[in-house]
C-alpha atoms as a PDB file:
ATOM      1  CA  UNK A   1     -25.032   3.521  13.050  1.00  0.00           C
ATOM      2  CA  UNK A   2     -22.379   3.345  15.386  1.00  0.00           C
ATOM      3  CA  UNK A   3     -21.274   0.349  12.875  1.00  0.00           C
ATOM      4  CA  UNK A   4     -21.176   2.147   9.974  1.00  0.00           C
ATOM      5  CA  UNK A   5     -19.264   5.417  11.247  1.00  0.00           C
ATOM      6  CA  UNK A   6     -16.744   2.897  12.342  1.00  0.00           C
ATOM      7  CA  UNK A   7     -16.527   1.373   9.045  1.00  0.00           C
ATOM      8  CA  UNK A   8     -16.066   4.562   7.444  1.00  0.00           C
ATOM      9  CA  UNK A   9     -13.477   6.172  10.056  1.00  0.00           C
ATOM     10  CA  UNK A  10     -11.351   3.082   9.052  1.00  0.00           C
ATOM     11  CA  UNK A  11     -10.525   4.670   5.413  1.00  0.00           C
ATOM     12  CA  UNK A  12     -10.470   7.618   6.427  1.00  0.00           C
ATOM     13  CA  UNK A  13      -7.804   7.174   9.341  1.00  0.00           C
ATOM     14  CA  UNK A  14      -5.516   6.288   6.422  1.00  0.00           C
ATOM     15  CA  UNK A  15      -5.416   9.535   4.825  1.00  0.00           C
ATOM     16  CA  UNK A  16      -2.939  11.820   6.868  1.00  0.00           C
ATOM     17  CA  UNK A  17      -0.520   8.826   7.414  1.00  0.00           C
ATOM     18  CA  UNK A  18      -0.937   8.546   3.573  1.00  0.00           C
ATOM     19  CA  UNK A  19      -0.341  12.316   3.221  1.00  0.00           C
ATOM     20  CA  UNK A  20       2.947  12.554   5.179  1.00  0.00           C
ATOM     21  CA  UNK A  21       4.568   9.502   4.105  1.00  0.00           C
ATOM     22  CA  UNK A  22       4.303   9.937   0.745  1.00  0.00           C
ATOM     23  CA  UNK A  23       5.276  14.048   1.159  1.00  0.00           C
ATOM     24  CA  UNK A  24       8.229  13.056   2.796  1.00  0.00           C
ATOM     25  CA  UNK A  25       9.237  10.360   0.301  1.00  0.00           C
ATOM     26  CA  UNK A  26       8.669  12.392  -2.428  1.00  0.00           C
ATOM     27  CA  UNK A  27      10.416  15.396  -0.918  1.00  0.00           C
ATOM     28  CA  UNK A  28      13.424  13.289  -0.445  1.00  0.00           C
ATOM     29  CA  UNK A  29      13.491  11.846  -3.530  1.00  0.00           C
ATOM     30  CA  UNK A  30      13.142  15.155  -5.374  1.00  0.00           C
ATOM     31  CA  UNK A  31      15.857  16.713  -3.387  1.00  0.00           C
ATOM     32  CA  UNK A  32      18.592  13.534  -3.946  1.00  0.00           C
ATOM     33  CA  UNK A  33      17.784  14.604  -7.972  1.00  0.00           C
ATOM     34  CA  UNK A  34      17.210  18.360  -8.230  1.00  0.00           C
ATOM     35  CA  UNK A  35      19.335  19.580  -4.960  1.00  0.00           C
ATOM     36  CA  UNK A  36      22.022  16.532  -4.215  1.00  0.00           C
ATOM     37  CA  UNK A  37      22.111  15.403  -8.017  1.00  0.00           C
ATOM     38  CA  UNK A  38      22.383  11.510  -9.204  1.00  0.00           C
ATOM     39  CA  UNK A  39      26.198  11.649  -8.963  1.00  0.00           C
ATOM     40  CA  UNK A  40      26.201  12.815  -5.609  1.00  0.00           C
ATOM     41  CA  UNK A  41      23.318  10.673  -4.072  1.00  0.00           C
ATOM     42  CA  UNK A  42      25.510   7.808  -5.712  1.00  0.00           C
ATOM     43  CA  UNK A  43      28.293   9.261  -4.261  1.00  0.00           C
ATOM     44  CA  UNK A  44      27.210   9.083  -0.716  1.00  0.00           C
ATOM     45  CA  UNK A  45      25.821   6.098  -1.609  1.00  0.00           C
ATOM     46  CA  UNK A  46      29.887   4.177  -2.554  1.00  0.00           C
ATOM     47  CA  UNK A  47      30.599   5.755   0.847  1.00  0.00           C
ATOM     48  CA  UNK A  48      27.702   3.904   3.087  1.00  0.00           C
ATOM     49  CA  UNK A  49      29.079   0.864   1.040  1.00  0.00           C
ATOM     50  CA  UNK A  50      26.169   0.161  -0.966  1.00  0.00           C
ATOM     51  CA  UNK A  51      26.340  -1.819  -4.051  1.00  0.00           C
ATOM     52  CA  UNK A  52      26.384  -0.657  -7.650  1.00  0.00           C
ATOM     53  CA  UNK A  53      25.915   2.643  -6.055  1.00  0.00           C
ATOM     54  CA  UNK A  54      24.470   4.728  -9.666  1.00  0.00           C
ATOM     55  CA  UNK A  55      22.265   1.784  -9.858  1.00  0.00           C
ATOM     56  CA  UNK A  56      20.842   2.027  -6.616  1.00  0.00           C
ATOM     57  CA  UNK A  57      21.015   5.615  -6.130  1.00  0.00           C
ATOM     58  CA  UNK A  58      18.573   5.907  -9.039  1.00  0.00           C
ATOM     59  CA  UNK A  59      16.429   3.283  -8.079  1.00  0.00           C
ATOM     60  CA  UNK A  60      16.068   5.492  -4.783  1.00  0.00           C
ATOM     61  CA  UNK A  61      15.541   8.775  -6.662  1.00  0.00           C
ATOM     62  CA  UNK A  62      12.556   7.198  -8.813  1.00  0.00           C
ATOM     63  CA  UNK A  63      11.192   4.813  -6.044  1.00  0.00           C
ATOM     64  CA  UNK A  64      11.201   7.975  -3.560  1.00  0.00           C
ATOM     65  CA  UNK A  65       9.775  10.645  -5.989  1.00  0.00           C
ATOM     66  CA  UNK A  66       7.519   8.840  -8.177  1.00  0.00           C
ATOM     67  CA  UNK A  67       6.477   6.210  -5.412  1.00  0.00           C
ATOM     68  CA  UNK A  68       6.055   9.077  -3.010  1.00  0.00           C
ATOM     69  CA  UNK A  69       3.700  11.158  -5.286  1.00  0.00           C
ATOM     70  CA  UNK A  70       1.882   7.810  -6.355  1.00  0.00           C
ATOM     71  CA  UNK A  71       1.169   7.768  -2.328  1.00  0.00           C
ATOM     72  CA  UNK A  72       0.528  11.063  -1.710  1.00  0.00           C
ATOM     73  CA  UNK A  73      -2.335  11.222  -4.784  1.00  0.00           C
ATOM     74  CA  UNK A  74      -3.335   7.820  -4.008  1.00  0.00           C
ATOM     75  CA  UNK A  75      -2.581   6.369  -7.327  1.00  0.00           C
ATOM     76  CA  UNK A  76      -1.216   3.016  -7.345  1.00  0.00           C
ATOM     77  CA  UNK A  77       0.410   3.077  -4.541  1.00  0.00           C
ATOM     78  CA  UNK A  78       0.333  -0.593  -3.333  1.00  0.00           C
ATOM     79  CA  UNK A  79       3.403  -1.326  -5.108  1.00  0.00           C
ATOM     80  CA  UNK A  80       5.615   1.743  -4.752  1.00  0.00           C
ATOM     81  CA  UNK A  81       4.629   1.184  -1.062  1.00  0.00           C
ATOM     82  CA  UNK A  82       6.149  -2.238  -0.764  1.00  0.00           C
ATOM     83  CA  UNK A  83       9.473  -0.807  -2.852  1.00  0.00           C
ATOM     84  CA  UNK A  84       9.576   1.717  -0.164  1.00  0.00           C
ATOM     85  CA  UNK A  85       9.137  -0.537   2.809  1.00  0.00           C
ATOM     86  CA  UNK A  86      11.718  -2.714   1.438  1.00  0.00           C
ATOM     87  CA  UNK A  87      14.096   0.386   0.757  1.00  0.00           C
ATOM     88  CA  UNK A  88      13.788   1.601   4.539  1.00  0.00           C
ATOM     89  CA  UNK A  89      14.263  -2.271   5.658  1.00  0.00           C
ATOM     90  CA  UNK A  90      17.660  -2.236   3.912  1.00  0.00           C
ATOM     91  CA  UNK A  91      18.644   1.459   5.205  1.00  0.00           C
ATOM     92  CA  UNK A  92      17.929   0.576   8.499  1.00  0.00           C
ATOM     93  CA  UNK A  93      19.857  -2.946   8.335  1.00  0.00           C
ATOM     94  CA  UNK A  94      22.691  -1.574   6.300  1.00  0.00           C
ATOM     95  CA  UNK A  95      23.402   1.721   6.984  1.00  0.00           C
ATOM     96  CA  UNK A  96      21.429   3.229  10.552  1.00  0.00           C
ATOM     97  CA  UNK A  97      21.288  -0.042  12.970  1.00  0.00           C
ATOM     98  CA  UNK A  98      24.642   1.462  14.236  1.00  0.00           C
ATOM     99  CA  UNK A  99      23.982   4.487  15.245  1.00  0.00           C
ATOM    100  CA  UNK A 100      21.089   3.764  17.678  1.00  0.00           C
ATOM    101  CA  UNK A 101      17.393   4.695  17.988  1.00  0.00           C
ATOM    102  CA  UNK A 102      17.381   8.322  17.927  1.00  0.00           C
ATOM    103  CA  UNK A 103      17.838  10.708  14.798  1.00  0.00           C
ATOM    104  CA  UNK A 104      20.143  11.714  12.753  1.00  0.00           C
ATOM    105  CA  UNK A 105      22.149   8.748  12.938  1.00  0.00           C
ATOM    106  CA  UNK A 106      19.306   6.392  14.244  1.00  0.00           C
ATOM    107  CA  UNK A 107      16.641   4.649  12.854  1.00  0.00           C
ATOM    108  CA  UNK A 108      13.948   6.553  14.332  1.00  0.00           C
ATOM    109  CA  UNK A 109      12.843   8.252  11.185  1.00  0.00           C
ATOM    110  CA  UNK A 110      13.339   5.135   8.829  1.00  0.00           C
ATOM    111  CA  UNK A 111      11.371   2.929  11.144  1.00  0.00           C
ATOM    112  CA  UNK A 112       8.605   5.388  11.269  1.00  0.00           C
ATOM    113  CA  UNK A 113       8.948   5.712   7.343  1.00  0.00           C
ATOM    114  CA  UNK A 114       8.355   1.827   7.120  1.00  0.00           C
ATOM    115  CA  UNK A 115       5.616   1.385   9.823  1.00  0.00           C
ATOM    116  CA  UNK A 116       3.794   4.301   7.743  1.00  0.00           C
ATOM    117  CA  UNK A 117       4.790   2.281   4.225  1.00  0.00           C
ATOM    118  CA  UNK A 118       3.930  -0.808   5.245  1.00  0.00           C
ATOM    119  CA  UNK A 119       0.580   0.243   6.240  1.00  0.00           C
ATOM    120  CA  UNK A 120       0.083   1.726   3.475  1.00  0.00           C
ATOM    121  CA  UNK A 121       0.419  -1.412   1.540  1.00  0.00           C
ATOM    122  CA  UNK A 122      -1.241  -3.728   3.513  1.00  0.00           C
ATOM    123  CA  UNK A 123      -4.321  -1.058   3.768  1.00  0.00           C
ATOM    124  CA  UNK A 124      -4.694   0.825   0.286  1.00  0.00           C
ATOM    125  CA  UNK A 125      -4.842   4.458   0.270  1.00  0.00           C
ATOM    126  CA  UNK A 126      -8.654   5.265   1.817  1.00  0.00           C
ATOM    127  CA  UNK A 127     -11.610   6.645   0.547  1.00  0.00           C
ATOM    128  CA  UNK A 128     -10.282  10.363  -0.512  1.00  0.00           C
ATOM    129  CA  UNK A 129      -7.314   8.121  -3.219  1.00  0.00           C
ATOM    130  CA  UNK A 130      -7.108   8.805  -7.074  1.00  0.00           C
ATOM    131  CA  UNK A 131      -7.563   4.932  -7.966  1.00  0.00           C
ATOM    132  CA  UNK A 132     -10.777   3.293  -6.357  1.00  0.00           C
ATOM    133  CA  UNK A 133      -8.266   0.053  -6.648  1.00  0.00           C
ATOM    134  CA  UNK A 134      -5.839   1.077  -3.834  1.00  0.00           C
ATOM    135  CA  UNK A 135      -8.923   2.064  -1.628  1.00  0.00           C
ATOM    136  CA  UNK A 136      -9.270   0.330   1.833  1.00  0.00           C
ATOM    137  CA  UNK A 137     -12.191  -2.008   1.977  1.00  0.00           C
ATOM    138  CA  UNK A 138     -15.115  -1.276   4.455  1.00  0.00           C
ATOM    139  CA  UNK A 139     -15.545  -4.681   6.104  1.00  0.00           C
ATOM    140  CA  UNK A 140     -19.369  -5.623   6.292  1.00  0.00           C
ATOM    141  CA  UNK A 141     -20.959  -4.978   9.907  1.00  0.00           C
ATOM    142  CA  UNK A 142     -20.494  -8.529  11.581  1.00  0.00           C
END
């Protein structure tokens, strides 16, 4: 009885991480396209020294907005989570690392998002997701 409760808790434990990580990424992607616009996002990337800033801006917008929604709803979320983890690693290494740990210029937020995205990429989205292929597998009792 206790073992089955522990196994179901593993799957449900990912839900708050999935909802928050998905929401944060979707909001940041939406902000880039609907508030700042792709042009201003590309301009910001130019100032940060990111190569191919127009392409990088659109990749960030699409991956963050669509990927964030996929994670939030638990639909085919593992690949977007991998892409978002890579994006956060790039941001940490090339944009934020010199700012130390604490936000707003440090790596604090990006490191948290990296960890959340990696968790979803490795474990899936849990039992409350819309796509069964992304669900966390419940291990057999051993």
